[in-house]
Amino acid sequence: MRLTDLPLRQPAYVELIDWSALSPSEGQRLREFGLCEGASVEALHRGGIFGRGPIACKVGRMTIAMRRSHAAAVTVRTGPDSLDQDRAA
């Protein structure tokens, strides 16, 4: 599932990032915020009209705002194995 489709407040882990959908500077910025395969992520809030604006996400312990186009390049996984890994961290 894409990060844009993740229900609010549901813990997940980054499974895959389509780096080719991002410019080099955008990719570098997301890496600096700790967004990489295996990182814990949680959608906290969707901005804009009808929730179609930026997405506030918790990445690890940091809260960041991300454009929807960037969040669409991130594939996440949820489920029991994600919750077990979150509790262990």
N, C-alpha and C. Protein backbone atom coordinates (compact mmCIF):
# COMPACT_ATOMS: atom_id res chain seq x y z
N MET A 1 0.85 -1.16 0.00
CA MET A 1 0.00 0.00 0.00
C MET A 1 0.90 1.24 0.00
N ARG A 2 0.44 2.28 -0.63
CA ARG A 2 1.18 3.55 -0.68
C ARG A 2 1.01 4.30 0.64
N LEU A 3 1.97 5.10 0.98
CA LEU A 3 1.88 5.91 2.19
C LEU A 3 0.68 6.85 2.13
N THR A 4 0.31 7.28 0.94
CA THR A 4 -0.87 8.15 0.78
C THR A 4 -2.16 7.43 1.16
N ASP A 5 -2.18 6.10 1.11
CA ASP A 5 -3.38 5.31 1.41
C ASP A 5 -3.39 4.76 2.84
N LEU A 6 -2.30 4.94 3.57
CA LEU A 6 -2.20 4.41 4.92
C LEU A 6 -3.19 5.14 5.83
N PRO A 7 -4.03 4.39 6.56
CA PRO A 7 -4.95 5.05 7.49
C PRO A 7 -4.16 5.82 8.56
N LEU A 8 -4.75 6.92 9.03
CA LEU A 8 -4.10 7.73 10.06
C LEU A 8 -3.87 6.91 11.32
N ARG A 9 -2.72 7.16 11.94
CA ARG A 9 -2.34 6.55 13.22
C ARG A 9 -2.11 5.04 13.15
N GLN A 10 -1.94 4.48 11.97
CA GLN A 10 -1.65 3.05 11.85
C GLN A 10 -0.14 2.88 11.64
N PRO A 11 0.54 2.19 12.55
CA PRO A 11 1.98 1.99 12.38
C PRO A 11 2.27 1.13 11.15
N ALA A 12 3.34 1.45 10.47
CA ALA A 12 3.74 0.70 9.29
C ALA A 12 5.25 0.80 9.14
N TYR A 13 5.77 0.06 8.20
CA TYR A 13 7.19 0.10 7.88
C TYR A 13 7.35 0.33 6.39
N VAL A 14 8.37 1.09 6.04
CA VAL A 14 8.65 1.36 4.63
C VAL A 14 9.16 0.08 4.00
N GLU A 15 8.49 -0.36 2.96
CA GLU A 15 8.90 -1.56 2.25
C GLU A 15 9.76 -1.21 1.05
N LEU A 16 9.36 -0.16 0.32
CA LEU A 16 10.05 0.20 -0.91
C LEU A 16 9.85 1.68 -1.19
N ILE A 17 10.88 2.33 -1.71
CA ILE A 17 10.76 3.72 -2.14
C ILE A 17 11.16 3.78 -3.60
N ASP A 18 10.29 4.37 -4.41
CA ASP A 18 10.56 4.54 -5.84
C ASP A 18 11.40 5.81 -6.01
N TRP A 19 12.71 5.67 -5.86
CA TRP A 19 13.61 6.82 -5.92
C TRP A 19 13.57 7.49 -7.29
N SER A 20 13.23 6.75 -8.33
CA SER A 20 13.19 7.32 -9.67
C SER A 20 12.02 8.31 -9.83
N ALA A 21 11.03 8.24 -8.94
CA ALA A 21 9.90 9.17 -8.99
C ALA A 21 10.23 10.50 -8.31
N LEU A 22 11.39 10.56 -7.68
CA LEU A 22 11.82 11.75 -6.96
C LEU A 22 13.05 12.36 -7.62
N SER A 23 13.17 13.66 -7.54
CA SER A 23 14.40 14.29 -8.03
C SER A 23 15.53 13.95 -7.05
N PRO A 24 16.78 14.08 -7.48
CA PRO A 24 17.90 13.79 -6.57
C PRO A 24 17.84 14.62 -5.28
N SER A 25 17.47 15.89 -5.39
CA SER A 25 17.42 16.73 -4.18
C SER A 25 16.27 16.31 -3.27
N GLU A 26 15.13 15.91 -3.85
CA GLU A 26 14.00 15.44 -3.04
C GLU A 26 14.37 14.14 -2.33
N GLY A 27 15.01 13.23 -3.03
CA GLY A 27 15.43 11.97 -2.43
C GLY A 27 16.43 12.20 -1.31
N GLN A 28 17.37 13.11 -1.53
CA GLN A 28 18.36 13.43 -0.50
C GLN A 28 17.69 13.99 0.74
N ARG A 29 16.71 14.86 0.55
CA ARG A 29 15.99 15.45 1.68
C ARG A 29 15.28 14.38 2.50
N LEU A 30 14.60 13.45 1.82
CA LEU A 30 13.89 12.39 2.54
C LEU A 30 14.86 11.46 3.26
N ARG A 31 16.00 11.18 2.65
CA ARG A 31 17.02 10.35 3.32
C ARG A 31 17.53 11.04 4.58
N GLU A 32 17.72 12.36 4.50
CA GLU A 32 18.20 13.11 5.67
C GLU A 32 17.19 13.07 6.81
N PHE A 33 15.92 12.94 6.49
CA PHE A 33 14.88 12.82 7.52
C PHE A 33 14.75 11.39 8.04
N GLY A 34 15.52 10.46 7.49
CA GLY A 34 15.49 9.09 7.96
C GLY A 34 14.54 8.18 7.22
N LEU A 35 14.00 8.65 6.10
CA LEU A 35 13.08 7.81 5.33
C LEU A 35 13.89 6.88 4.43
N CYS A 36 13.85 5.60 4.77
CA CYS A 36 14.56 4.59 3.99
C CYS A 36 13.82 3.27 4.19
N GLU A 37 14.17 2.27 3.39
CA GLU A 37 13.52 0.97 3.51
C GLU A 37 13.74 0.44 4.93
N GLY A 38 12.65 -0.04 5.55
CA GLY A 38 12.71 -0.58 6.89
C GLY A 38 12.38 0.42 7.99
N ALA A 39 12.31 1.71 7.67
CA ALA A 39 12.01 2.73 8.68
C ALA A 39 10.55 2.63 9.13
N SER A 40 10.31 2.90 10.41
CA SER A 40 8.93 2.93 10.90
C SER A 40 8.31 4.25 10.47
N VAL A 41 7.04 4.19 10.10
CA VAL A 41 6.34 5.38 9.61
C VAL A 41 4.88 5.31 10.05
N GLU A 42 4.30 6.48 10.25
CA GLU A 42 2.89 6.57 10.65
C GLU A 42 2.34 7.88 10.11
N ALA A 43 1.23 7.82 9.41
CA ALA A 43 0.57 9.03 8.91
C ALA A 43 -0.21 9.64 10.07
N LEU A 44 0.06 10.92 10.35
CA LEU A 44 -0.57 11.59 11.48
C LEU A 44 -1.71 12.52 11.07
N HIS A 45 -1.54 13.21 9.95
CA HIS A 45 -2.53 14.22 9.54
C HIS A 45 -2.42 14.48 8.04
N ARG A 46 -3.54 14.69 7.41
CA ARG A 46 -3.56 15.07 6.00
C ARG A 46 -4.06 16.50 5.90
N GLY A 47 -3.28 17.37 5.28
CA GLY A 47 -3.62 18.77 5.18
C GLY A 47 -4.39 19.09 3.91
N GLY A 48 -4.77 20.34 3.80
CA GLY A 48 -5.46 20.81 2.60
C GLY A 48 -6.93 20.47 2.60
N ILE A 49 -7.58 20.90 1.53
CA ILE A 49 -9.00 20.65 1.37
C ILE A 49 -9.22 19.17 1.06
N PHE A 50 -10.12 18.55 1.80
CA PHE A 50 -10.46 17.12 1.63
C PHE A 50 -9.25 16.22 1.87
N GLY A 51 -8.25 16.68 2.60
CA GLY A 51 -7.09 15.86 2.91
C GLY A 51 -6.20 15.58 1.72
N ARG A 52 -6.22 16.46 0.72
CA ARG A 52 -5.44 16.25 -0.49
C ARG A 52 -4.14 17.07 -0.51
N GLY A 53 -3.78 17.64 0.63
CA GLY A 53 -2.55 18.43 0.71
C GLY A 53 -1.41 17.60 1.27
N PRO A 54 -0.43 18.25 1.87
CA PRO A 54 0.71 17.54 2.45
C PRO A 54 0.27 16.58 3.55
N ILE A 55 1.13 15.63 3.85
CA ILE A 55 0.86 14.64 4.88
C ILE A 55 1.89 14.80 5.99
N ALA A 56 1.42 14.92 7.22
CA ALA A 56 2.33 14.92 8.37
C ALA A 56 2.56 13.47 8.75
N CYS A 57 3.82 13.07 8.79
CA CYS A 57 4.19 11.69 9.07
C CYS A 57 5.19 11.62 10.21
N LYS A 58 5.08 10.57 10.97
CA LYS A 58 6.09 10.28 11.98
C LYS A 58 7.03 9.26 11.35
N VAL A 59 8.29 9.63 11.23
CA VAL A 59 9.33 8.74 10.70
C VAL A 59 10.30 8.50 11.84
N GLY A 60 10.28 7.28 12.36
CA GLY A 60 11.06 7.02 13.57
C GLY A 60 10.50 7.87 14.69
N ARG A 61 11.33 8.74 15.26
CA ARG A 61 10.88 9.63 16.34
C ARG A 61 10.59 11.04 15.86
N MET A 62 10.82 11.32 14.58
CA MET A 62 10.68 12.66 14.03
C MET A 62 9.35 12.80 13.29
N THR A 63 8.73 13.97 13.40
CA THR A 63 7.53 14.28 12.63
C THR A 63 7.91 15.21 11.50
N ILE A 64 7.54 14.84 10.28
CA ILE A 64 7.86 15.64 9.10
C ILE A 64 6.60 15.86 8.28
N ALA A 65 6.63 16.89 7.44
CA ALA A 65 5.57 17.13 6.47
C ALA A 65 6.09 16.70 5.11
N MET A 66 5.28 15.99 4.37
CA MET A 66 5.71 15.44 3.09
C MET A 66 4.65 15.74 2.02
N ARG A 67 5.11 16.15 0.86
CA ARG A 67 4.18 16.35 -0.26
C ARG A 67 3.53 15.02 -0.62
N ARG A 68 2.29 15.10 -1.10
CA ARG A 68 1.58 13.87 -1.51
C ARG A 68 2.32 13.14 -2.61
N SER A 69 2.93 13.87 -3.54
CA SER A 69 3.65 13.21 -4.63
C SER A 69 4.84 12.42 -4.09
N HIS A 70 5.47 12.90 -3.03
CA HIS A 70 6.58 12.17 -2.43
C HIS A 70 6.06 10.95 -1.67
N ALA A 71 4.96 11.13 -0.94
CA ALA A 71 4.38 10.02 -0.19
C ALA A 71 3.88 8.92 -1.12
N ALA A 72 3.45 9.28 -2.33
CA ALA A 72 2.98 8.29 -3.30
C ALA A 72 4.12 7.40 -3.79
N ALA A 73 5.36 7.85 -3.64
CA ALA A 73 6.51 7.05 -4.07
C ALA A 73 6.95 6.05 -3.00
N VAL A 74 6.29 6.08 -1.84
CA VAL A 74 6.67 5.23 -0.70
C VAL A 74 5.64 4.11 -0.54
N THR A 75 6.10 2.87 -0.61
CA THR A 75 5.26 1.70 -0.36
C THR A 75 5.52 1.23 1.06
N VAL A 76 4.44 1.01 1.82
CA VAL A 76 4.57 0.59 3.21
C VAL A 76 3.90 -0.76 3.42
N ARG A 77 4.27 -1.42 4.51
CA ARG A 77 3.64 -2.68 4.89
C ARG A 77 3.13 -2.56 6.31
N THR A 78 2.01 -3.22 6.55
CA THR A 78 1.41 -3.24 7.88
C THR A 78 1.14 -4.68 8.24
N GLY A 79 0.62 -4.90 9.41
CA GLY A 79 0.25 -6.24 9.81
C GLY A 79 0.90 -6.63 11.12
N PRO A 80 0.66 -7.86 11.55
CA PRO A 80 1.18 -8.32 12.84
C PRO A 80 2.71 -8.23 12.94
N ASP A 81 3.42 -8.54 11.86
CA ASP A 81 4.87 -8.48 11.91
C ASP A 81 5.36 -7.04 12.08
N SER A 82 4.63 -6.07 11.56
CA SER A 82 4.99 -4.66 11.72
C SER A 82 4.80 -4.23 13.17
N LEU A 83 3.73 -4.70 13.82
CA LEU A 83 3.48 -4.33 15.19
C LEU A 83 4.51 -4.95 16.11
N ASP A 84 4.91 -6.20 15.87
CA ASP A 84 5.91 -6.86 16.70
C ASP A 84 7.24 -6.12 16.60
N GLN A 85 7.64 -5.68 15.40
CA GLN A 85 8.89 -4.97 15.23
C GLN A 85 8.82 -3.61 15.90
N ASP A 86 7.65 -2.97 15.89
CA ASP A 86 7.48 -1.67 16.51
C ASP A 86 7.63 -1.78 18.04
N ARG A 87 7.08 -2.82 18.61
CA ARG A 87 7.18 -3.01 20.07
C ARG A 87 8.61 -3.33 20.48
N ALA A 88 9.35 -4.03 19.63
CA ALA A 88 10.72 -4.40 19.95
C ALA A 88 11.66 -3.20 19.90
N ALA A 89 11.29 -2.17 19.14
CA ALA A 89 12.18 -1.00 18.97
C ALA A 89 12.19 -0.09 20.16
